[in-house]
Amino acid sequence: MARKPIPPGQEPRNPVGHALGLVRDHIPPVHPAGIPFIVVPLAVAALGRKSRLVRTAGLGLAVANATFFRHPNRVPPTRPGVVVSPADGEVTLVDMAVPPAELELGAEPLPRVSVFLSVLDVHVQRTPVAGQVVNVIHKSGKFLSADLDEASDANERNSMLLRTPTGHEVVVVQIAGLIARRIICDARSGDVFPLGETYGLIRFGSRVDTYLPKGTRILAERGQRVIGAETVIAELV
């Protein structure tokens, strides 16, 4: 079995520890919000184990939910001034748009990058910049397909305003989709987050919009696949 180089001064792992380490490194953990969606199908499979159909359906659903709620480790970039994607998915919009009205940031359009998440993407959301949470507001709405432009205004959403240590204000909006009926946001006003920290999750299929200060250098392109917390989508100036 191949082994990674051992840093000087670190004790070598025993074979069992090494094997467990490989599993931990390659099979991502599950977000806590997904645990009930995995435990219930497993319980159904256990209770109906005498029925092949029930057992197979329960195990299959548990595996599918574990895949959906996966929460892989990510390593954000270290250079200053960068904005990372708050989610995995495809960039569907790079434009100018007015930020959510509930944040009361005015009616002037700001640079916006929208990322659409399919049901196959990782669905946790991560902070696009390091900074303090100024405000978090949830707004009820419709459940249009998240890849539509009008979903930004019409759909149920959760808007968060972040202020960086340099004074830049960045808005990140979790938007429910056609089959996404639950937005989870663990951030509260006053919280301070490092770059790329997990703060929420949407299930099952959704969109995340990032509004940036005027003059921001946008690096993302429409149609680009991005990785949450790692892909740089813009640079603050």
Protein backbone atom coordinates (compact mmCIF):
# COMPACT_ATOMS: atom_id res chain seq x y z
CA MET A 1 0.00 0.00 0.00
CA ALA A 2 1.45 3.37 -1.06
CA ARG A 3 2.25 5.79 1.72
CA LYS A 4 2.52 9.55 1.81
CA PRO A 5 5.88 10.95 2.94
CA ILE A 6 6.03 11.35 6.71
CA PRO A 7 7.02 14.86 7.93
CA PRO A 8 10.20 14.95 10.05
CA GLY A 9 9.51 14.30 13.71
CA GLN A 10 6.12 12.67 13.11
CA GLU A 11 5.58 9.08 14.19
CA PRO A 12 4.71 6.69 11.34
CA ARG A 13 1.16 5.31 11.34
CA ASN A 14 0.48 1.65 11.91
CA PRO A 15 -1.21 -0.19 8.99
CA VAL A 16 -4.69 0.11 10.51
CA GLY A 17 -4.28 3.83 11.19
CA HIS A 18 -2.90 4.33 7.70
CA ALA A 19 -5.90 2.56 6.13
CA LEU A 20 -8.36 4.60 8.21
CA GLY A 21 -6.51 7.77 7.22
CA LEU A 22 -6.86 6.92 3.53
CA VAL A 23 -10.61 6.37 3.97
CA ARG A 24 -10.97 9.65 5.87
CA ASP A 25 -9.01 11.54 3.22
CA HIS A 26 -11.02 10.21 0.27
CA ILE A 27 -14.55 9.77 1.65
CA PRO A 28 -15.86 13.18 2.74
CA PRO A 29 -17.82 13.57 5.97
CA VAL A 30 -21.54 14.35 5.98
CA HIS A 31 -23.07 17.69 6.95
CA PRO A 32 -25.04 17.31 10.21
CA ALA A 33 -28.25 18.36 8.43
CA GLY A 34 -28.06 15.20 6.35
CA ILE A 35 -27.83 12.69 9.20
CA PRO A 36 -31.63 12.17 9.57
CA PHE A 37 -31.89 11.60 5.81
CA ILE A 38 -29.34 8.79 6.09
CA VAL A 39 -30.41 7.22 9.40
CA VAL A 40 -34.11 6.88 8.48
CA PRO A 41 -33.53 4.91 5.23
CA LEU A 42 -30.98 2.73 7.04
CA ALA A 43 -33.57 2.02 9.74
CA VAL A 44 -36.14 1.14 7.08
CA ALA A 45 -33.62 -1.20 5.42
CA ALA A 46 -32.89 -2.85 8.77
CA LEU A 47 -36.56 -3.28 9.70
CA GLY A 48 -37.43 -4.60 6.25
CA ARG A 49 -34.30 -6.67 5.78
CA LYS A 50 -36.33 -9.78 4.97
CA SER A 51 -37.68 -8.02 1.88
CA ARG A 52 -35.05 -7.57 -0.80
CA LEU A 53 -36.97 -4.66 -2.34
CA VAL A 54 -37.28 -2.74 0.94
CA ARG A 55 -33.68 -3.50 1.92
CA THR A 56 -32.29 -2.39 -1.45
CA ALA A 57 -34.45 0.74 -1.58
CA GLY A 58 -33.47 1.77 1.95
CA LEU A 59 -29.75 1.26 1.39
CA GLY A 60 -29.88 2.98 -2.00
CA LEU A 61 -31.65 6.02 -0.57
CA ALA A 62 -29.19 6.20 2.34
CA VAL A 63 -26.22 6.16 -0.05
CA ALA A 64 -27.86 8.79 -2.28
CA ASN A 65 -28.49 11.09 0.68
CA ALA A 66 -24.97 10.58 2.03
CA THR A 67 -23.66 11.62 -1.39
CA PHE A 68 -25.90 14.69 -1.53
CA PHE A 69 -25.03 15.88 1.98
CA ARG A 70 -21.28 15.31 1.62
CA HIS A 71 -19.11 17.98 3.19
CA PRO A 72 -15.60 17.71 1.72
CA ASN A 73 -12.61 19.49 3.19
CA ARG A 74 -11.47 22.49 1.15
CA VAL A 75 -8.28 24.56 1.24
CA PRO A 76 -8.91 28.26 0.45
CA PRO A 77 -6.23 30.37 -1.26
CA THR A 78 -3.97 32.45 0.96
CA ARG A 79 -3.37 35.55 -1.14
CA PRO A 80 -5.15 38.67 0.16
CA GLY A 81 -8.13 40.33 -1.49
CA VAL A 82 -9.58 37.29 -3.23
CA VAL A 83 -13.24 36.28 -3.36
CA VAL A 84 -13.86 32.54 -3.60
CA SER A 85 -16.94 30.79 -4.89
CA PRO A 86 -19.45 30.24 -2.07
CA ALA A 87 -20.61 26.98 -3.65
CA ASP A 88 -19.80 24.17 -6.05
CA GLY A 89 -21.57 24.36 -9.39
CA GLU A 90 -21.75 26.21 -12.68
CA VAL A 91 -21.50 29.97 -13.12
CA THR A 92 -24.76 30.93 -14.86
CA LEU A 93 -24.63 34.73 -14.58
CA VAL A 94 -21.89 37.34 -14.49
CA ASP A 95 -23.64 40.68 -14.61
CA MET A 96 -24.76 43.80 -12.73
CA ALA A 97 -27.81 43.55 -10.47
CA VAL A 98 -29.44 45.29 -7.52
CA PRO A 99 -28.78 43.41 -4.26
CA PRO A 100 -31.74 42.03 -2.27
CA ALA A 101 -34.01 44.87 -1.15
CA GLU A 102 -34.31 43.51 2.40
CA LEU A 103 -30.66 44.36 3.06
CA GLU A 104 -31.39 48.06 2.31
CA LEU A 105 -28.18 48.60 0.34
CA GLY A 106 -29.81 50.90 -2.20
CA ALA A 107 -30.98 50.48 -5.79
CA GLU A 108 -27.62 50.79 -7.52
CA PRO A 109 -26.62 47.66 -9.45
CA LEU A 110 -23.50 45.84 -8.23
CA PRO A 111 -21.35 43.15 -9.88
CA ARG A 112 -22.99 39.77 -9.41
CA VAL A 113 -21.79 36.19 -9.90
CA SER A 114 -24.45 33.46 -9.78
CA VAL A 115 -23.64 29.78 -9.25
CA PHE A 116 -26.22 27.10 -10.01
CA LEU A 117 -26.05 23.85 -8.02
CA SER A 118 -27.47 20.67 -9.52
CA VAL A 119 -28.55 17.81 -7.27
CA LEU A 120 -25.17 16.18 -7.99
CA ASP A 121 -23.11 19.09 -6.63
CA VAL A 122 -21.89 19.54 -3.05
CA HIS A 123 -24.63 21.61 -1.43
CA VAL A 124 -22.92 23.30 1.52
CA GLN A 125 -22.28 27.03 1.25
CA ARG A 126 -19.03 28.71 2.25
CA THR A 127 -18.09 32.30 2.98
CA PRO A 128 -16.72 33.99 -0.18
CA VAL A 129 -14.59 36.38 1.90
CA ALA A 130 -13.23 36.56 5.43
CA GLY A 131 -15.09 39.03 7.60
CA GLN A 132 -17.86 39.83 10.04
CA VAL A 133 -21.53 39.11 9.45
CA VAL A 134 -23.36 42.44 9.42
CA ASN A 135 -26.85 41.13 8.70
CA VAL A 136 -28.71 37.91 7.84
CA ILE A 137 -32.29 38.07 6.52
CA HIS A 138 -34.57 35.26 5.34
CA LYS A 139 -37.32 36.06 2.85
CA SER A 140 -40.13 33.71 1.83
CA GLY A 141 -40.95 33.33 -1.84
CA LYS A 142 -41.62 31.03 -4.78
CA PHE A 143 -39.79 27.90 -5.87
CA LEU A 144 -39.03 28.60 -9.53
CA SER A 145 -36.19 26.76 -11.23
CA ALA A 146 -33.03 28.23 -9.69
CA ASP A 147 -31.30 28.65 -13.06
CA LEU A 148 -33.84 31.31 -14.14
CA ASP A 149 -32.77 34.95 -13.80
CA GLU A 150 -36.04 35.91 -12.07
CA ALA A 151 -35.34 33.38 -9.31
CA SER A 152 -33.08 35.97 -7.65
CA ASP A 153 -36.08 38.17 -6.83
CA ALA A 154 -39.00 35.73 -6.79
CA ASN A 155 -37.70 32.68 -4.92
CA GLU A 156 -37.31 32.03 -1.23
CA ARG A 157 -33.87 33.22 -0.18
CA ASN A 158 -31.48 33.91 2.67
CA SER A 159 -29.29 37.00 2.28
CA MET A 160 -26.11 37.60 4.27
CA LEU A 161 -24.02 40.77 4.31
CA LEU A 162 -20.32 40.37 5.15
CA ARG A 163 -17.83 43.15 5.87
CA THR A 164 -14.15 42.36 5.34
CA PRO A 165 -11.35 43.69 7.57
CA THR A 166 -10.55 46.17 4.78
CA GLY A 167 -14.10 47.54 4.82
CA HIS A 168 -15.43 45.88 1.65
CA GLU A 169 -19.05 44.72 1.80
CA VAL A 170 -19.96 41.46 0.06
CA VAL A 171 -23.43 39.93 -0.13
CA VAL A 172 -24.02 36.19 -0.53
CA VAL A 173 -27.55 34.93 -1.16
CA GLN A 174 -28.79 31.35 -0.81
CA ILE A 175 -31.71 30.85 -3.22
CA ALA A 176 -34.13 27.93 -3.08
CA GLY A 177 -34.84 26.09 -6.32
CA LEU A 178 -37.57 24.06 -7.97
CA ILE A 179 -37.13 21.11 -5.59
CA ALA A 180 -35.07 22.86 -2.89
CA ARG A 181 -37.50 23.55 -0.07
CA ARG A 182 -35.16 24.16 2.85
CA ILE A 183 -32.45 26.76 3.36
CA ILE A 184 -30.15 26.28 6.34
CA CYS A 185 -27.99 29.17 7.54
CA ASP A 186 -25.94 28.88 10.73
CA ALA A 187 -24.53 32.43 10.51
CA ARG A 188 -25.75 35.17 12.83
CA SER A 189 -25.10 38.91 12.96
CA GLY A 190 -21.78 39.57 14.66
CA ASP A 191 -20.21 36.23 13.73
CA VAL A 192 -16.69 36.41 12.29
CA PHE A 193 -15.72 33.90 9.63
CA PRO A 194 -12.45 33.02 7.92
CA LEU A 195 -12.34 32.66 4.15
CA GLY A 196 -14.16 29.59 2.86
CA GLU A 197 -15.86 28.63 6.14
CA THR A 198 -19.02 26.52 5.85
CA TYR A 199 -22.03 28.51 7.04
CA GLY A 200 -25.09 26.84 5.48
CA LEU A 201 -26.71 24.37 3.12
CA ILE A 202 -29.62 24.18 0.67
CA ARG A 203 -31.48 21.03 -0.27
CA PHE A 204 -32.07 19.73 -3.03
CA GLY A 205 -30.93 21.86 -6.02
CA SER A 206 -30.38 25.58 -5.69
CA ARG A 207 -28.43 28.73 -6.54
CA VAL A 208 -26.07 31.09 -4.73
CA ASP A 209 -25.57 34.72 -5.78
CA THR A 210 -22.59 36.83 -4.73
CA TYR A 211 -22.84 40.65 -4.96
CA LEU A 212 -19.52 42.49 -4.95
CA PRO A 213 -18.40 46.11 -4.47
CA LYS A 214 -18.15 48.32 -7.53
CA GLY A 215 -14.72 48.18 -9.10
CA THR A 216 -14.18 44.53 -8.13
CA ARG A 217 -12.15 42.62 -10.71
CA ILE A 218 -14.37 39.72 -11.81
CA LEU A 219 -12.45 36.55 -12.77
CA ALA A 220 -15.33 34.08 -13.15
CA GLU A 221 -16.83 33.40 -16.56
CA ARG A 222 -20.29 32.20 -17.51
CA GLY A 223 -20.35 28.42 -17.98
CA GLN A 224 -17.30 27.89 -15.74
CA ARG A 225 -17.38 25.07 -13.20
CA VAL A 226 -16.37 26.32 -9.75
CA ILE A 227 -15.40 24.66 -6.46
CA GLY A 228 -16.66 26.20 -3.24
CA ALA A 229 -13.98 27.85 -1.06
CA GLU A 230 -11.24 27.17 -3.62
CA THR A 231 -12.09 28.72 -7.01
CA VAL A 232 -11.29 32.44 -7.06
CA ILE A 233 -14.17 34.28 -8.74
CA ALA A 234 -13.04 37.87 -8.13
CA GLU A 235 -10.43 40.18 -6.58
CA LEU A 236 -11.32 43.11 -4.33
CA VAL A 237 -9.57 46.39 -5.16
